[in-house]
Amino acid sequence: LQAAFDKLRAAYEQERRFTADASHELRTPMNAAT
């Protein structure tokens, strides 16, 4: 269970980082366009 939760936590953290990076990457061109 601990190993499964650690994997889920890592996957969640990776998804959070991806979302933050993608949001930042999308925001930068939009800000420039705006």
Full PDB file with SEQRES, HELIX, SHEET, SSBOND, CRYST1, ORIGX, SCALE, CONECT and MASTER records, all heavy atoms in Angstrom:
SEQRES   1 A   34  LEU GLN ALA ALA PHE ASP LYS LEU ARG ALA ALA TYR GLU          
SEQRES   2 A   34  GLN GLU ARG ARG PHE THR ALA ASP ALA SER HIS GLU LEU          
SEQRES   3 A   34  ARG THR PRO MET ASN ALA ALA THR                              
HELIX    1 AA1 GLN A    2  ALA A   33  1                                  32    
CRYST1    1.000    1.000    1.000  90.00  90.00  90.00 P 1           1          
ORIGX1      1.000000  0.000000  0.000000        0.00000                         
ORIGX2      0.000000  1.000000  0.000000        0.00000                         
ORIGX3      0.000000  0.000000  1.000000        0.00000                         
SCALE1      1.000000  0.000000  0.000000        0.00000                         
SCALE2      0.000000  1.000000  0.000000        0.00000                         
SCALE3      0.000000  0.000000  1.000000        0.00000                         
ATOM      1  N   LEU A   1       0.833  -1.205   0.000  1.00  0.00           N  
ATOM      2  CA  LEU A   1       0.000   0.000   0.000  1.00  0.00           C  
ATOM      3  C   LEU A   1       0.868   1.256   0.000  1.00  0.00           C  
ATOM      4  O   LEU A   1       0.581   2.224  -0.720  1.00  0.00           O  
ATOM      5  CB  LEU A   1      -0.931   0.010   1.219  1.00  0.00           C  
ATOM      6  CG  LEU A   1      -2.163  -0.862   1.140  1.00  0.00           C  
ATOM      7  CD1 LEU A   1      -2.883  -0.890   2.480  1.00  0.00           C  
ATOM      8  CD2 LEU A   1      -3.104  -0.357   0.060  1.00  0.00           C  
ATOM      9  N   GLN A   2       1.919   1.245   0.814  1.00  0.00           N  
ATOM     10  CA  GLN A   2       2.815   2.393   0.870  1.00  0.00           C  
ATOM     11  C   GLN A   2       3.468   2.627  -0.490  1.00  0.00           C  
ATOM     12  O   GLN A   2       3.541   3.764  -0.967  1.00  0.00           O  
ATOM     13  CB  GLN A   2       3.887   2.199   1.937  1.00  0.00           C  
ATOM     14  CG  GLN A   2       4.803   3.393   2.078  1.00  0.00           C  
ATOM     15  CD  GLN A   2       5.864   3.169   3.137  1.00  0.00           C  
ATOM     16  OE1 GLN A   2       5.976   2.086   3.698  1.00  0.00           O  
ATOM     17  NE2 GLN A   2       6.632   4.207   3.408  1.00  0.00           N  
ATOM     18  N   ALA A   3       3.913   1.546  -1.139  1.00  0.00           N  
ATOM     19  CA  ALA A   3       4.526   1.689  -2.465  1.00  0.00           C  
ATOM     20  C   ALA A   3       3.512   2.233  -3.464  1.00  0.00           C  
ATOM     21  O   ALA A   3       3.843   3.113  -4.280  1.00  0.00           O  
ATOM     22  CB  ALA A   3       5.070   0.337  -2.933  1.00  0.00           C  
ATOM     23  N   ALA A   4       2.271   1.754  -3.398  1.00  0.00           N  
ATOM     24  CA  ALA A   4       1.235   2.238  -4.326  1.00  0.00           C  
ATOM     25  C   ALA A   4       0.937   3.712  -4.068  1.00  0.00           C  
ATOM     26  O   ALA A   4       0.819   4.504  -5.017  1.00  0.00           O  
ATOM     27  CB  ALA A   4      -0.033   1.400  -4.175  1.00  0.00           C  
ATOM     28  N   PHE A   5       0.832   4.098  -2.798  1.00  0.00           N  
ATOM     29  CA  PHE A   5       0.582   5.508  -2.485  1.00  0.00           C  
ATOM     30  C   PHE A   5       1.761   6.385  -2.885  1.00  0.00           C  
ATOM     31  O   PHE A   5       1.570   7.511  -3.358  1.00  0.00           O  
ATOM     32  CB  PHE A   5       0.251   5.696  -1.001  1.00  0.00           C  
ATOM     33  CG  PHE A   5      -1.176   5.409  -0.664  1.00  0.00           C  
ATOM     34  CD1 PHE A   5      -1.502   4.424   0.234  1.00  0.00           C  
ATOM     35  CD2 PHE A   5      -2.205   6.134  -1.247  1.00  0.00           C  
ATOM     36  CE1 PHE A   5      -2.819   4.155   0.546  1.00  0.00           C  
ATOM     37  CE2 PHE A   5      -3.526   5.881  -0.940  1.00  0.00           C  
ATOM     38  CZ  PHE A   5      -3.839   4.883  -0.046  1.00  0.00           C  
ATOM     39  N   ASP A   6       2.977   5.885  -2.713  1.00  0.00           N  
ATOM     40  CA  ASP A   6       4.158   6.650  -3.141  1.00  0.00           C  
ATOM     41  C   ASP A   6       4.131   6.859  -4.649  1.00  0.00           C  
ATOM     42  O   ASP A   6       4.446   7.954  -5.144  1.00  0.00           O  
ATOM     43  CB  ASP A   6       5.450   5.949  -2.707  1.00  0.00           C  
ATOM     44  CG  ASP A   6       5.681   6.035  -1.204  1.00  0.00           C  
ATOM     45  OD1 ASP A   6       4.998   6.858  -0.543  1.00  0.00           O  
ATOM     46  OD2 ASP A   6       6.527   5.263  -0.694  1.00  0.00           O  
ATOM     47  N   LYS A   7       3.749   5.826  -5.402  1.00  0.00           N  
ATOM     48  CA  LYS A   7       3.645   5.961  -6.860  1.00  0.00           C  
ATOM     49  C   LYS A   7       2.561   6.969  -7.228  1.00  0.00           C  
ATOM     50  O   LYS A   7       2.741   7.801  -8.116  1.00  0.00           O  
ATOM     51  CB  LYS A   7       3.319   4.611  -7.507  1.00  0.00           C  
ATOM     52  CG  LYS A   7       4.499   3.691  -7.646  1.00  0.00           C  
ATOM     53  CD  LYS A   7       4.069   2.416  -8.355  1.00  0.00           C  
ATOM     54  CE  LYS A   7       5.211   1.440  -8.481  1.00  0.00           C  
ATOM     55  NZ  LYS A   7       4.795   0.199  -9.130  1.00  0.00           N  
ATOM     56  N   LEU A   8       1.420   6.883  -6.528  1.00  0.00           N  
ATOM     57  CA  LEU A   8       0.337   7.830  -6.797  1.00  0.00           C  
ATOM     58  C   LEU A   8       0.773   9.252  -6.468  1.00  0.00           C  
ATOM     59  O   LEU A   8       0.475  10.196  -7.216  1.00  0.00           O  
ATOM     60  CB  LEU A   8      -0.907   7.476  -5.975  1.00  0.00           C  
ATOM     61  CG  LEU A   8      -1.780   6.355  -6.506  1.00  0.00           C  
ATOM     62  CD1 LEU A   8      -2.877   6.017  -5.512  1.00  0.00           C  
ATOM     63  CD2 LEU A   8      -2.399   6.765  -7.839  1.00  0.00           C  
ATOM     64  N   ARG A   9       1.460   9.394  -5.338  1.00  0.00           N  
ATOM     65  CA  ARG A   9       1.940  10.711  -4.927  1.00  0.00           C  
ATOM     66  C   ARG A   9       2.913  11.267  -5.973  1.00  0.00           C  
ATOM     67  O   ARG A   9       2.841  12.436  -6.351  1.00  0.00           O  
ATOM     68  CB  ARG A   9       2.609  10.623  -3.557  1.00  0.00           C  
ATOM     69  CG  ARG A   9       2.825  11.971  -2.920  1.00  0.00           C  
ATOM     70  CD  ARG A   9       3.365  11.862  -1.491  1.00  0.00           C  
ATOM     71  NE  ARG A   9       2.329  11.327  -0.608  1.00  0.00           N  
ATOM     72  CZ  ARG A   9       2.453  10.222   0.131  1.00  0.00           C  
ATOM     73  NH1 ARG A   9       3.567   9.538   0.113  1.00  0.00           N  
ATOM     74  NH2 ARG A   9       1.484   9.813   0.900  1.00  0.00           N  
ATOM     75  N   ALA A  10       3.832  10.409  -6.449  1.00  0.00           N  
ATOM     76  CA  ALA A  10       4.794  10.840  -7.461  1.00  0.00           C  
ATOM     77  C   ALA A  10       4.075  11.199  -8.761  1.00  0.00           C  
ATOM     78  O   ALA A  10       4.393  12.213  -9.397  1.00  0.00           O  
ATOM     79  CB  ALA A  10       5.829   9.742  -7.705  1.00  0.00           C  
ATOM     80  N   ALA A  11       3.081  10.388  -9.149  1.00  0.00           N  
ATOM     81  CA  ALA A  11       2.328  10.676 -10.367  1.00  0.00           C  
ATOM     82  C   ALA A  11       1.543  11.968 -10.215  1.00  0.00           C  
ATOM     83  O   ALA A  11       1.478  12.790 -11.145  1.00  0.00           O  
ATOM     84  CB  ALA A  11       1.383   9.518 -10.697  1.00  0.00           C  
ATOM     85  N   TYR A  12       0.959  12.169  -9.049  1.00  0.00           N  
ATOM     86  CA  TYR A  12       0.215  13.406  -8.794  1.00  0.00           C  
ATOM     87  C   TYR A  12       1.152  14.603  -8.851  1.00  0.00           C  
ATOM     88  O   TYR A  12       0.828  15.631  -9.458  1.00  0.00           O  
ATOM     89  CB  TYR A  12      -0.487  13.325  -7.441  1.00  0.00           C  
ATOM     90  CG  TYR A  12      -1.155  14.625  -7.045  1.00  0.00           C  
ATOM     91  CD1 TYR A  12      -2.347  15.029  -7.651  1.00  0.00           C  
ATOM     92  CD2 TYR A  12      -0.585  15.457  -6.093  1.00  0.00           C  
ATOM     93  CE1 TYR A  12      -2.954  16.219  -7.306  1.00  0.00           C  
ATOM     94  CE2 TYR A  12      -1.181  16.655  -5.750  1.00  0.00           C  
ATOM     95  CZ  TYR A  12      -2.366  17.030  -6.357  1.00  0.00           C  
ATOM     96  OH  TYR A  12      -2.952  18.214  -6.013  1.00  0.00           O  
ATOM     97  N   GLU A  13       2.318  14.476  -8.226  1.00  0.00           N  
ATOM     98  CA  GLU A  13       3.297  15.568  -8.221  1.00  0.00           C  
ATOM     99  C   GLU A  13       3.778  15.859  -9.647  1.00  0.00           C  
ATOM    100  O   GLU A  13       3.910  17.021 -10.048  1.00  0.00           O  
ATOM    101  CB  GLU A  13       4.482  15.211  -7.317  1.00  0.00           C  
ATOM    102  CG  GLU A  13       5.471  16.325  -7.117  1.00  0.00           C  
ATOM    103  CD  GLU A  13       4.861  17.584  -6.505  1.00  0.00           C  
ATOM    104  OE1 GLU A  13       3.930  17.486  -5.680  1.00  0.00           O  
ATOM    105  OE2 GLU A  13       5.319  18.686  -6.873  1.00  0.00           O  
ATOM    106  N   GLN A  14       4.002  14.813 -10.431  1.00  0.00           N  
ATOM    107  CA  GLN A  14       4.435  14.991 -11.824  1.00  0.00           C  
ATOM    108  C   GLN A  14       3.333  15.674 -12.624  1.00  0.00           C  
ATOM    109  O   GLN A  14       3.604  16.580 -13.437  1.00  0.00           O  
ATOM    110  CB  GLN A  14       4.785  13.630 -12.425  1.00  0.00           C  
ATOM    111  CG  GLN A  14       5.373  13.714 -13.803  1.00  0.00           C  
ATOM    112  CD  GLN A  14       5.739  12.324 -14.324  1.00  0.00           C  
ATOM    113  OE1 GLN A  14       5.397  11.315 -13.733  1.00  0.00           O  
ATOM    114  NE2 GLN A  14       6.427  12.299 -15.449  1.00  0.00           N  
ATOM    115  N   GLU A  15       2.091  15.265 -12.408  1.00  0.00           N  
ATOM    116  CA  GLU A  15       0.969  15.884 -13.116  1.00  0.00           C  
ATOM    117  C   GLU A  15       0.823  17.345 -12.707  1.00  0.00           C  
ATOM    118  O   GLU A  15       0.566  18.214 -13.541  1.00  0.00           O  
ATOM    119  CB  GLU A  15      -0.322  15.119 -12.812  1.00  0.00           C  
ATOM    120  CG  GLU A  15      -1.525  15.657 -13.558  1.00  0.00           C  
ATOM    121  CD  GLU A  15      -2.796  14.880 -13.243  1.00  0.00           C  
ATOM    122  OE1 GLU A  15      -2.712  13.651 -13.025  1.00  0.00           O  
ATOM    123  OE2 GLU A  15      -3.854  15.513 -13.210  1.00  0.00           O  
ATOM    124  N   ARG A  16       1.014  17.633 -11.418  1.00  0.00           N  
ATOM    125  CA  ARG A  16       0.915  19.005 -10.938  1.00  0.00           C  
ATOM    126  C   ARG A  16       1.999  19.878 -11.574  1.00  0.00           C  
ATOM    127  O   ARG A  16       1.736  20.993 -12.027  1.00  0.00           O  
ATOM    128  CB  ARG A  16       1.027  19.032  -9.410  1.00  0.00           C  
ATOM    129  CG  ARG A  16       0.701  20.394  -8.806  1.00  0.00           C  
ATOM    130  CD  ARG A  16       1.006  20.458  -7.335  1.00  0.00           C  
ATOM    131  NE  ARG A  16       2.415  20.297  -7.024  1.00  0.00           N  
ATOM    132  CZ  ARG A  16       3.356  21.241  -7.241  1.00  0.00           C  
ATOM    133  NH1 ARG A  16       3.041  22.379  -7.765  1.00  0.00           N  
ATOM    134  NH2 ARG A  16       4.603  20.998  -6.927  1.00  0.00           N  
ATOM    135  N   ARG A  17       3.225  19.331 -11.618  1.00  0.00           N  
ATOM    136  CA  ARG A  17       4.315  20.085 -12.236  1.00  0.00           C  
ATOM    137  C   ARG A  17       4.047  20.308 -13.724  1.00  0.00           C  
ATOM    138  O   ARG A  17       4.268  21.407 -14.259  1.00  0.00           O  
ATOM    139  CB  ARG A  17       5.644  19.352 -12.051  1.00  0.00           C  
ATOM    140  CG  ARG A  17       6.317  19.668 -10.733  1.00  0.00           C  
ATOM    141  CD  ARG A  17       7.769  19.222 -10.720  1.00  0.00           C  
ATOM    142  NE  ARG A  17       7.984  17.879 -11.240  1.00  0.00           N  
ATOM    143  CZ  ARG A  17       8.071  16.776 -10.504  1.00  0.00           C  
ATOM    144  NH1 ARG A  17       7.991  16.868  -9.198  1.00  0.00           N  
ATOM    145  NH2 ARG A  17       8.256  15.609 -11.064  1.00  0.00           N  
ATOM    146  N   PHE A  18       3.547  19.256 -14.396  1.00  0.00           N  
ATOM    147  CA  PHE A  18       3.244  19.375 -15.823  1.00  0.00           C  
ATOM    148  C   PHE A  18       2.174  20.443 -16.044  1.00  0.00           C  
ATOM    149  O   PHE A  18       2.289  21.282 -16.955  1.00  0.00           O  
ATOM    150  CB  PHE A  18       2.774  18.027 -16.392  1.00  0.00           C  
ATOM    151  CG  PHE A  18       2.292  18.129 -17.803  1.00  0.00           C  
ATOM    152  CD1 PHE A  18       3.198  18.234 -18.854  1.00  0.00           C  
ATOM    153  CD2 PHE A  18       0.935  18.164 -18.098  1.00  0.00           C  
ATOM    154  CE1 PHE A  18       2.757  18.348 -20.169  1.00  0.00           C  
ATOM    155  CE2 PHE A  18       0.488  18.282 -19.396  1.00  0.00           C  
ATOM    156  CZ  PHE A  18       1.399  18.366 -20.435  1.00  0.00           C  
ATOM    157  N   THR A  19       1.141  20.414 -15.208  1.00  0.00           N  
ATOM    158  CA  THR A  19       0.059  21.392 -15.346  1.00  0.00           C  
ATOM    159  C   THR A  19       0.587  22.803 -15.115  1.00  0.00           C  
ATOM    160  O   THR A  19       0.239  23.744 -15.849  1.00  0.00           O  
ATOM    161  CB  THR A  19      -1.077  21.069 -14.354  1.00  0.00           C  
ATOM    162  OG1 THR A  19      -1.505  19.734 -14.570  1.00  0.00           O  
ATOM    163  CG2 THR A  19      -2.244  22.010 -14.519  1.00  0.00           C  
ATOM    164  N   ALA A  20       1.417  22.956 -14.081  1.00  0.00           N  
ATOM    165  CA  ALA A  20       1.982  24.288 -13.804  1.00  0.00           C  
ATOM    166  C   ALA A  20       2.873  24.735 -14.959  1.00  0.00           C  
ATOM    167  O   ALA A  20       2.801  25.912 -15.389  1.00  0.00           O  
ATOM    168  CB  ALA A  20       2.772  24.254 -12.506  1.00  0.00           C  
ATOM    169  N   ASP A  21       3.721  23.825 -15.469  1.00  0.00           N  
ATOM    170  CA  ASP A  21       4.606  24.187 -16.590  1.00  0.00           C  
ATOM    171  C   ASP A  21       3.796  24.513 -17.833  1.00  0.00           C  
ATOM    172  O   ASP A  21       4.083  25.507 -18.539  1.00  0.00           O  
ATOM    173  CB  ASP A  21       5.591  23.055 -16.879  1.00  0.00           C  
ATOM    174  CG  ASP A  21       6.631  22.888 -15.787  1.00  0.00           C  
ATOM    175  OD1 ASP A  21       6.739  23.799 -14.924  1.00  0.00           O  
ATOM    176  OD2 ASP A  21       7.328  21.836 -15.777  1.00  0.00           O  
ATOM    177  N   ALA A  22       2.794  23.682 -18.118  1.00  0.00           N  
ATOM    178  CA  ALA A  22       1.974  23.914 -19.313  1.00  0.00           C  
ATOM    179  C   ALA A  22       1.217  25.227 -19.181  1.00  0.00           C  
ATOM    180  O   ALA A  22       1.114  26.004 -20.149  1.00  0.00           O  
ATOM    181  CB  ALA A  22       1.002  22.753 -19.516  1.00  0.00           C  
ATOM    182  N   SER A  23       0.708  25.480 -18.001  1.00  0.00           N  
ATOM    183  CA  SER A  23      -0.013  26.722 -17.772  1.00  0.00           C  
ATOM    184  C   SER A  23       0.913  27.908 -17.975  1.00  0.00           C  
ATOM    185  O   SER A  23       0.543  28.912 -18.601  1.00  0.00           O  
ATOM    186  CB  SER A  23      -0.587  26.722 -16.360  1.00  0.00           C  
ATOM    187  OG  SER A  23      -1.148  27.964 -16.054  1.00  0.00           O  
ATOM    188  N   HIS A  24       2.147  27.787 -17.463  1.00  0.00           N  
ATOM    189  CA  HIS A  24       3.118  28.872 -17.628  1.00  0.00           C  
ATOM    190  C   HIS A  24       3.472  29.061 -19.102  1.00  0.00           C  
ATOM    191  O   HIS A  24       3.541  30.197 -19.598  1.00  0.00           O  
ATOM    192  CB  HIS A  24       4.377  28.575 -16.813  1.00  0.00           C  
ATOM    193  CG  HIS A  24       5.440  29.600 -16.988  1.00  0.00           C  
ATOM    194  ND1 HIS A  24       5.351  30.858 -16.439  1.00  0.00           N  
ATOM    195  CD2 HIS A  24       6.618  29.561 -17.673  1.00  0.00           C  
ATOM    196  CE1 HIS A  24       6.419  31.551 -16.774  1.00  0.00           C  
ATOM    197  NE2 HIS A  24       7.214  30.783 -17.523  1.00  0.00           N  
ATOM    198  N   GLU A  25       3.681  27.941 -19.779  1.00  0.00           N  
ATOM    199  CA  GLU A  25       4.054  28.010 -21.191  1.00  0.00           C  
ATOM    200  C   GLU A  25       2.926  28.600 -22.028  1.00  0.00           C  
ATOM    201  O   GLU A  25       3.179  29.340 -22.976  1.00  0.00           O  
ATOM    202  CB  GLU A  25       4.431  26.627 -21.729  1.00  0.00           C  
ATOM    203  CG  GLU A  25       5.709  26.062 -21.156  1.00  0.00           C  
ATOM    204  CD  GLU A  25       6.926  26.903 -21.509  1.00  0.00           C  
ATOM    205  OE1 GLU A  25       6.990  27.457 -22.622  1.00  0.00           O  
ATOM    206  OE2 GLU A  25       7.816  27.015 -20.654  1.00  0.00           O  
ATOM    207  N   LEU A  26       1.689  28.260 -21.689  1.00  0.00           N  
ATOM    208  CA  LEU A  26       0.563  28.813 -22.436  1.00  0.00           C  
ATOM    209  C   LEU A  26       0.336  30.280 -22.083  1.00  0.00           C  
ATOM    210  O   LEU A  26      -0.078  31.075 -22.924  1.00  0.00           O  
ATOM    211  CB  LEU A  26      -0.705  28.008 -22.162  1.00  0.00           C  
ATOM    212  CG  LEU A  26      -0.762  26.629 -22.809  1.00  0.00           C  
ATOM    213  CD1 LEU A  26      -1.999  25.892 -22.342  1.00  0.00           C  
ATOM    214  CD2 LEU A  26      -0.764  26.744 -24.321  1.00  0.00           C  
ATOM    215  N   ARG A  27       0.621  30.628 -20.847  1.00  0.00           N  
ATOM    216  CA  ARG A  27       0.400  31.990 -20.402  1.00  0.00           C  
ATOM    217  C   ARG A  27       1.393  32.957 -21.058  1.00  0.00           C  
ATOM    218  O   ARG A  27       1.046  34.082 -21.407  1.00  0.00           O  
ATOM    219  CB  ARG A  27       0.537  32.061 -18.873  1.00  0.00           C  
ATOM    220  CG  ARG A  27      -0.603  32.807 -18.249  1.00  0.00           C  
ATOM    221  CD  ARG A  27      -0.507  32.915 -16.742  1.00  0.00           C  
ATOM    222  NE  ARG A  27      -0.635  31.609 -16.106  1.00  0.00           N  
ATOM    223  CZ  ARG A  27       0.168  31.169 -15.147  1.00  0.00           C  
ATOM    224  NH1 ARG A  27       1.119  31.928 -14.684  1.00  0.00           N  
ATOM    225  NH2 ARG A  27       0.003  29.988 -14.645  1.00  0.00           N  
ATOM    226  N   THR A  28       2.616  32.535 -21.225  1.00  0.00           N  
ATOM    227  CA  THR A  28       3.643  33.424 -21.775  1.00  0.00           C  
ATOM    228  C   THR A  28       3.294  33.896 -23.190  1.00  0.00           C  
ATOM    229  O   THR A  28       3.276  35.110 -23.436  1.00  0.00           O  
ATOM    230  CB  THR A  28       5.015  32.724 -21.736  1.00  0.00           C  
ATOM    231  OG1 THR A  28       5.290  32.353 -20.402  1.00  0.00           O  
ATOM    232  CG2 THR A  28       6.108  33.627 -22.253  1.00  0.00           C  
ATOM    233  N   PRO A  29       2.964  32.991 -24.133  1.00  0.00           N  
ATOM    234  CA  PRO A  29       2.584  33.494 -25.465  1.00  0.00           C  
ATOM    235  C   PRO A  29       1.290  34.297 -25.446  1.00  0.00           C  
ATOM    236  O   PRO A  29       1.121  35.263 -26.185  1.00  0.00           O  
ATOM    237  CB  PRO A  29       2.404  32.245 -26.308  1.00  0.00           C  
ATOM    238  CG  PRO A  29       3.056  31.138 -25.573  1.00  0.00           C  
ATOM    239  CD  PRO A  29       3.120  31.569 -24.147  1.00  0.00           C  
ATOM    240  N   MET A  30       0.381  33.926 -24.591  1.00  0.00           N  
ATOM    241  CA  MET A  30      -0.893  34.645 -24.533  1.00  0.00           C  
ATOM    242  C   MET A  30      -0.660  36.045 -23.993  1.00  0.00           C  
ATOM    243  O   MET A  30      -1.278  37.000 -24.451  1.00  0.00           O  
ATOM    244  CB  MET A  30      -1.884  33.898 -23.639  1.00  0.00           C  
ATOM    245  CG  MET A  30      -2.265  32.564 -24.182  1.00  0.00           C  
ATOM    246  SD  MET A  30      -3.824  32.484 -24.768  1.00  0.00           S  
ATOM    247  CE  MET A  30      -5.121  32.362 -23.929  1.00  0.00           C  
ATOM    248  N   ASN A  31       0.221  36.150 -23.012  1.00  0.00           N  
ATOM    249  CA  ASN A  31       0.530  37.473 -22.472  1.00  0.00           C  
ATOM    250  C   ASN A  31       1.196  38.330 -23.540  1.00  0.00           C  
ATOM    251  O   ASN A  31       0.903  39.517 -23.672  1.00  0.00           O  
ATOM    252  CB  ASN A  31       1.438  37.368 -21.248  1.00  0.00           C  
ATOM    253  CG  ASN A  31       0.664  37.028 -19.999  1.00  0.00           C  
ATOM    254  OD1 ASN A  31      -0.548  37.174 -19.997  1.00  0.00           O  
ATOM    255  ND2 ASN A  31       1.354  36.603 -18.971  1.00  0.00           N  
ATOM    256  N   ALA A  32       2.081  37.696 -24.295  1.00  0.00           N  
ATOM    257  CA  ALA A  32       2.759  38.444 -25.371  1.00  0.00           C  
ATOM    258  C   ALA A  32       1.750  38.877 -26.426  1.00  0.00           C  
ATOM    259  O   ALA A  32       1.777  40.019 -26.911  1.00  0.00           O  
ATOM    260  CB  ALA A  32       3.851  37.593 -25.986  1.00  0.00           C  
ATOM    261  N   ALA A  33       0.842  37.981 -26.771  1.00  0.00           N  
ATOM    262  CA  ALA A  33      -0.169  38.307 -27.768  1.00  0.00           C  
ATOM    263  C   ALA A  33      -1.100  39.379 -27.240  1.00  0.00           C  
ATOM    264  O   ALA A  33      -1.484  40.306 -27.965  1.00  0.00           O  
ATOM    265  CB  ALA A  33      -0.955  37.059 -28.151  1.00  0.00           C  
ATOM    266  N   THR A  34      -1.456  39.282 -26.013  1.00  0.00           N  
ATOM    267  CA  THR A  34      -2.342  40.271 -25.414  1.00  0.00           C  
ATOM    268  C   THR A  34      -1.652  41.627 -25.366  1.00  0.00           C  
ATOM    269  O   THR A  34      -2.253  42.654 -25.661  1.00  0.00           O  
ATOM    270  CB  THR A  34      -2.764  39.834 -23.986  1.00  0.00           C  
ATOM    271  OG1 THR A  34      -3.331  38.551 -24.049  1.00  0.00           O  
ATOM    272  CG2 THR A  34      -3.756  40.795 -23.388  1.00  0.00           C  
TER     273      THR A  34                                                      
MASTER        0    0    0    1    0    0    0    6  272    1    0    3          
END                                                                             
